Amino acid sequence: MKSKFIALPFVLMLVAIPMTGCPKTPETEALRDQAVDKAREAGQAIGEYTLAMKDEFQKASQVELEKLDKQLDEYRAKAKVASDDAKEEMNRRIKDLEVHRENAQEQLNKFADSSKDAWAEMKVGLEKAMIDLKAAFANASESFQSSGENKGSSEQK
């Protein structure tokens, strides 16, 4: 995508440089106008593509957050029925996940509000927040699985 942004100025230079030394005839004026129109259309197409990519990434991130929200609800339900010792650890993990989740939502909101020029920078922050959130869920998942196994094994004894 960056290569398209880099290519546009070169296309404009290639169009503009030869035209500066040419005698102004109706034919050269028409060719120049045609080249400028095509360059403008290319710029608009790149802008539309950029916005489409932003929207696609934003929707995918929102879907991922919703999926993790469901998992967080499952963890809350498990914590409610856990033993007191396990419940304390589970609730600590849930609070940690909620902090990471809130950070990811803030980054998504910033990303959604970003301009077409700034969204690439905002994407980096959102990607990092999503990676951190997924890592927190992976760590918590181990804790919730082992807590569930411990509860089950203590009930069997």
C-alpha atoms as a PDB file:
ATOM      1  CA  MET A   1       0.000   0.000   0.000  1.00  0.00           C
ATOM      2  CA  LYS A   2       2.836   2.409   0.826  1.00  0.00           C
ATOM      3  CA  SER A   3       4.318   1.767  -2.612  1.00  0.00           C
ATOM      4  CA  LYS A   4       1.162   3.163  -4.194  1.00  0.00           C
ATOM      5  CA  PHE A   5       1.544   6.366  -2.204  1.00  0.00           C
ATOM      6  CA  ILE A   6       5.182   6.603  -3.181  1.00  0.00           C
ATOM      7  CA  ALA A   7       4.425   5.919  -6.857  1.00  0.00           C
ATOM      8  CA  LEU A   8       1.898   8.745  -7.233  1.00  0.00           C
ATOM      9  CA  PRO A   9       4.419  11.618  -6.948  1.00  0.00           C
ATOM     10  CA  PHE A  10       6.665   9.900  -9.504  1.00  0.00           C
ATOM     11  CA  VAL A  11       3.767   9.548 -11.918  1.00  0.00           C
ATOM     12  CA  LEU A  12       2.981  13.224 -11.497  1.00  0.00           C
ATOM     13  CA  MET A  13       6.639  14.150 -12.082  1.00  0.00           C
ATOM     14  CA  LEU A  14       6.794  11.994 -15.193  1.00  0.00           C
ATOM     15  CA  VAL A  15       3.741  13.804 -16.493  1.00  0.00           C
ATOM     16  CA  ALA A  16       4.850  17.292 -15.491  1.00  0.00           C
ATOM     17  CA  ILE A  17       8.548  17.286 -16.494  1.00  0.00           C
ATOM     18  CA  PRO A  18       8.145  16.551 -20.195  1.00  0.00           C
ATOM     19  CA  MET A  19       5.280  19.013 -20.440  1.00  0.00           C
ATOM     20  CA  THR A  20       7.277  21.971 -19.128  1.00  0.00           C
ATOM     21  CA  GLY A  21       9.585  22.192 -22.131  1.00  0.00           C
ATOM     22  CA  CYS A  22       6.999  21.445 -24.804  1.00  0.00           C
ATOM     23  CA  PRO A  23       5.551  24.164 -26.948  1.00  0.00           C
ATOM     24  CA  LYS A  24       1.978  24.896 -25.977  1.00  0.00           C
ATOM     25  CA  THR A  25      -0.166  23.550 -28.739  1.00  0.00           C
ATOM     26  CA  PRO A  26      -3.747  22.365 -28.479  1.00  0.00           C
ATOM     27  CA  GLU A  27      -2.511  18.780 -28.768  1.00  0.00           C
ATOM     28  CA  THR A  28       0.039  19.074 -25.954  1.00  0.00           C
ATOM     29  CA  GLU A  29      -2.464  20.947 -23.776  1.00  0.00           C
ATOM     30  CA  ALA A  30      -5.003  18.171 -24.326  1.00  0.00           C
ATOM     31  CA  LEU A  31      -2.397  15.504 -23.519  1.00  0.00           C
ATOM     32  CA  ARG A  32      -1.351  17.380 -20.398  1.00  0.00           C
ATOM     33  CA  ASP A  33      -4.962  17.736 -19.257  1.00  0.00           C
ATOM     34  CA  GLN A  34      -5.549  14.056 -19.962  1.00  0.00           C
ATOM     35  CA  ALA A  35      -2.472  13.060 -17.954  1.00  0.00           C
ATOM     36  CA  VAL A  36      -3.462  15.310 -15.049  1.00  0.00           C
ATOM     37  CA  ASP A  37      -6.978  13.824 -15.047  1.00  0.00           C
ATOM     38  CA  LYS A  38      -5.587  10.295 -15.017  1.00  0.00           C
ATOM     39  CA  ALA A  39      -3.210  11.147 -12.171  1.00  0.00           C
ATOM     40  CA  ARG A  40      -6.105  12.702 -10.208  1.00  0.00           C
ATOM     41  CA  GLU A  41      -8.228   9.583 -10.817  1.00  0.00           C
ATOM     42  CA  ALA A  42      -5.359   7.387  -9.649  1.00  0.00           C
ATOM     43  CA  GLY A  43      -5.030   9.462  -6.485  1.00  0.00           C
ATOM     44  CA  GLN A  44      -8.756   9.158  -5.815  1.00  0.00           C
ATOM     45  CA  ALA A  45      -8.642   5.405  -6.402  1.00  0.00           C
ATOM     46  CA  ILE A  46      -5.771   5.073  -3.936  1.00  0.00           C
ATOM     47  CA  GLY A  47      -7.716   7.132  -1.395  1.00  0.00           C
ATOM     48  CA  GLU A  48     -10.797   4.944  -1.806  1.00  0.00           C
ATOM     49  CA  TYR A  49      -8.705   1.809  -1.497  1.00  0.00           C
ATOM     50  CA  THR A  50      -7.084   3.174   1.655  1.00  0.00           C
ATOM     51  CA  LEU A  51     -10.457   3.884   3.253  1.00  0.00           C
ATOM     52  CA  ALA A  52     -11.711   0.429   2.307  1.00  0.00           C
ATOM     53  CA  MET A  53      -8.652  -1.156   3.949  1.00  0.00           C
ATOM     54  CA  LYS A  54      -9.201   0.942   7.072  1.00  0.00           C
ATOM     55  CA  ASP A  55     -12.860  -0.104   7.279  1.00  0.00           C
ATOM     56  CA  GLU A  56     -11.971  -3.755   6.768  1.00  0.00           C
ATOM     57  CA  PHE A  57      -9.341  -3.703   9.514  1.00  0.00           C
ATOM     58  CA  GLN A  58     -11.686  -1.852  11.862  1.00  0.00           C
ATOM     59  CA  LYS A  59     -14.482  -4.390  11.346  1.00  0.00           C
ATOM     60  CA  ALA A  60     -12.123  -7.333  11.837  1.00  0.00           C
ATOM     61  CA  SER A  61     -10.828  -5.822  15.075  1.00  0.00           C
ATOM     62  CA  GLN A  62     -14.362  -5.248  16.344  1.00  0.00           C
ATOM     63  CA  VAL A  63     -15.300  -8.866  15.572  1.00  0.00           C
ATOM     64  CA  GLU A  64     -12.216 -10.046  17.466  1.00  0.00           C
ATOM     65  CA  LEU A  65     -13.141  -7.901  20.481  1.00  0.00           C
ATOM     66  CA  GLU A  66     -16.676  -9.312  20.478  1.00  0.00           C
ATOM     67  CA  LYS A  67     -15.287 -12.846  20.400  1.00  0.00           C
ATOM     68  CA  LEU A  68     -13.020 -12.081  23.353  1.00  0.00           C
ATOM     69  CA  ASP A  69     -15.943 -10.462  25.199  1.00  0.00           C
ATOM     70  CA  LYS A  70     -17.813 -13.781  25.008  1.00  0.00           C
ATOM     71  CA  GLN A  71     -14.792 -15.576  26.399  1.00  0.00           C
ATOM     72  CA  LEU A  72     -14.565 -13.006  29.200  1.00  0.00           C
ATOM     73  CA  ASP A  73     -18.239 -13.643  30.032  1.00  0.00           C
ATOM     74  CA  GLU A  74     -17.447 -17.362  30.279  1.00  0.00           C
ATOM     75  CA  TYR A  75     -14.602 -16.598  32.680  1.00  0.00           C
ATOM     76  CA  ARG A  76     -16.917 -14.465  34.830  1.00  0.00           C
ATOM     77  CA  ALA A  77     -19.412 -17.338  34.987  1.00  0.00           C
ATOM     78  CA  LYS A  78     -16.667 -19.775  36.012  1.00  0.00           C
ATOM     79  CA  ALA A  79     -15.453 -17.380  38.700  1.00  0.00           C
ATOM     80  CA  LYS A  80     -18.934 -17.178  40.241  1.00  0.00           C
ATOM     81  CA  VAL A  81     -19.041 -20.913  40.940  1.00  0.00           C
ATOM     82  CA  ALA A  82     -15.379 -21.395  41.851  1.00  0.00           C
ATOM     83  CA  SER A  83     -14.055 -22.112  45.319  1.00  0.00           C
ATOM     84  CA  ASP A  84     -13.039 -19.079  47.370  1.00  0.00           C
ATOM     85  CA  ASP A  85      -9.310 -19.534  46.713  1.00  0.00           C
ATOM     86  CA  ALA A  86      -9.799 -20.021  42.985  1.00  0.00           C
ATOM     87  CA  LYS A  87     -12.389 -17.224  42.799  1.00  0.00           C
ATOM     88  CA  GLU A  88      -9.905 -14.677  44.123  1.00  0.00           C
ATOM     89  CA  GLU A  89      -7.318 -15.578  41.469  1.00  0.00           C
ATOM     90  CA  MET A  90      -9.955 -15.710  38.731  1.00  0.00           C
ATOM     91  CA  ASN A  91     -11.326 -12.286  39.637  1.00  0.00           C
ATOM     92  CA  ARG A  92      -7.798 -10.856  39.603  1.00  0.00           C
ATOM     93  CA  ARG A  93      -7.280 -12.289  36.109  1.00  0.00           C
ATOM     94  CA  ILE A  94     -10.663 -10.973  34.964  1.00  0.00           C
ATOM     95  CA  LYS A  95      -9.794  -7.456  36.136  1.00  0.00           C
ATOM     96  CA  ASP A  96      -6.506  -7.666  34.247  1.00  0.00           C
ATOM     97  CA  LEU A  97      -8.372  -8.779  31.110  1.00  0.00           C
ATOM     98  CA  GLU A  98     -10.851  -5.925  31.513  1.00  0.00           C
ATOM     99  CA  VAL A  99      -7.985  -3.418  31.625  1.00  0.00           C
ATOM    100  CA  HIS A 100      -6.472  -4.880  28.453  1.00  0.00           C
ATOM    101  CA  ARG A 101      -9.917  -4.986  26.836  1.00  0.00           C
ATOM    102  CA  GLU A 102     -10.546  -1.322  27.672  1.00  0.00           C
ATOM    103  CA  ASN A 103      -7.169  -0.348  26.218  1.00  0.00           C
ATOM    104  CA  ALA A 104      -7.923  -2.233  23.001  1.00  0.00           C
ATOM    105  CA  GLN A 105     -11.331  -0.510  22.747  1.00  0.00           C
ATOM    106  CA  GLU A 106      -9.702   2.903  23.229  1.00  0.00           C
ATOM    107  CA  GLN A 107      -7.223   2.125  20.460  1.00  0.00           C
ATOM    108  CA  LEU A 108     -10.050   0.950  18.205  1.00  0.00           C
ATOM    109  CA  ASN A 109     -11.961   4.172  18.874  1.00  0.00           C
ATOM    110  CA  LYS A 110      -8.889   6.264  18.038  1.00  0.00           C
ATOM    111  CA  PHE A 111      -8.380   4.201  14.912  1.00  0.00           C
ATOM    112  CA  ALA A 112     -12.013   4.678  13.861  1.00  0.00           C
ATOM    113  CA  ASP A 113     -11.735   8.445  14.369  1.00  0.00           C
ATOM    114  CA  SER A 114      -8.411   8.759  12.555  1.00  0.00           C
ATOM    115  CA  SER A 115      -8.086  10.540   9.236  1.00  0.00           C
ATOM    116  CA  LYS A 116      -7.198   8.712   6.066  1.00  0.00           C
ATOM    117  CA  ASP A 117      -3.668  10.085   6.410  1.00  0.00           C
ATOM    118  CA  ALA A 118      -3.157   9.041  10.050  1.00  0.00           C
ATOM    119  CA  TRP A 119      -4.871   5.666  10.160  1.00  0.00           C
ATOM    120  CA  ALA A 120      -1.732   3.691   9.313  1.00  0.00           C
ATOM    121  CA  GLU A 121      -0.038   5.067  12.437  1.00  0.00           C
ATOM    122  CA  MET A 122      -3.125   4.372  14.530  1.00  0.00           C
ATOM    123  CA  LYS A 123      -3.226   0.811  13.167  1.00  0.00           C
ATOM    124  CA  VAL A 124       0.105   0.083  14.847  1.00  0.00           C
ATOM    125  CA  GLY A 125      -1.289   1.074  18.251  1.00  0.00           C
ATOM    126  CA  LEU A 126      -4.428  -0.981  17.715  1.00  0.00           C
ATOM    127  CA  GLU A 127      -2.449  -4.025  16.584  1.00  0.00           C
ATOM    128  CA  LYS A 128      -0.247  -3.802  19.687  1.00  0.00           C
ATOM    129  CA  ALA A 129      -3.270  -3.478  21.985  1.00  0.00           C
ATOM    130  CA  MET A 130      -4.912  -6.502  20.327  1.00  0.00           C
ATOM    131  CA  ILE A 131      -1.726  -8.574  20.666  1.00  0.00           C
ATOM    132  CA  ASP A 132      -1.464  -7.626  24.348  1.00  0.00           C
ATOM    133  CA  LEU A 133      -5.134  -8.495  24.892  1.00  0.00           C
ATOM    134  CA  LYS A 134      -4.787 -11.884  23.184  1.00  0.00           C
ATOM    135  CA  ALA A 135      -1.666 -12.648  25.232  1.00  0.00           C
ATOM    136  CA  ALA A 136      -3.537 -11.764  28.433  1.00  0.00           C
ATOM    137  CA  PHE A 137      -6.353 -14.082  27.391  1.00  0.00           C
ATOM    138  CA  ALA A 138      -3.891 -16.876  26.645  1.00  0.00           C
ATOM    139  CA  ASN A 139      -2.354 -16.500  30.115  1.00  0.00           C
ATOM    140  CA  ALA A 140      -5.762 -16.329  31.779  1.00  0.00           C
ATOM    141  CA  SER A 141      -6.996 -19.315  29.811  1.00  0.00           C
ATOM    142  CA  GLU A 142      -4.331 -21.497  31.396  1.00  0.00           C
ATOM    143  CA  SER A 143      -5.372 -20.282  34.829  1.00  0.00           C
ATOM    144  CA  PHE A 144      -9.072 -20.888  34.216  1.00  0.00           C
ATOM    145  CA  GLN A 145      -8.458 -24.356  32.808  1.00  0.00           C
ATOM    146  CA  SER A 146      -6.263 -25.371  35.726  1.00  0.00           C
ATOM    147  CA  SER A 147      -8.762 -23.885  38.208  1.00  0.00           C
ATOM    148  CA  GLY A 148     -11.541 -25.890  36.624  1.00  0.00           C
ATOM    149  CA  GLU A 149      -9.452 -29.058  36.751  1.00  0.00           C
ATOM    150  CA  ASN A 150      -8.481 -28.433  40.393  1.00  0.00           C
ATOM    151  CA  LYS A 151     -12.094 -27.878  41.345  1.00  0.00           C
ATOM    152  CA  GLY A 152     -13.135 -31.071  39.618  1.00  0.00           C
ATOM    153  CA  SER A 153     -10.352 -33.136  41.192  1.00  0.00           C
ATOM    154  CA  SER A 154     -11.027 -31.757  44.697  1.00  0.00           C
ATOM    155  CA  GLU A 155     -14.719 -32.628  44.382  1.00  0.00           C
ATOM    156  CA  GLN A 156     -13.833 -36.212  43.433  1.00  0.00           C
ATOM    157  CA  LYS A 157     -11.653 -36.741  46.548  1.00  0.00           C
END
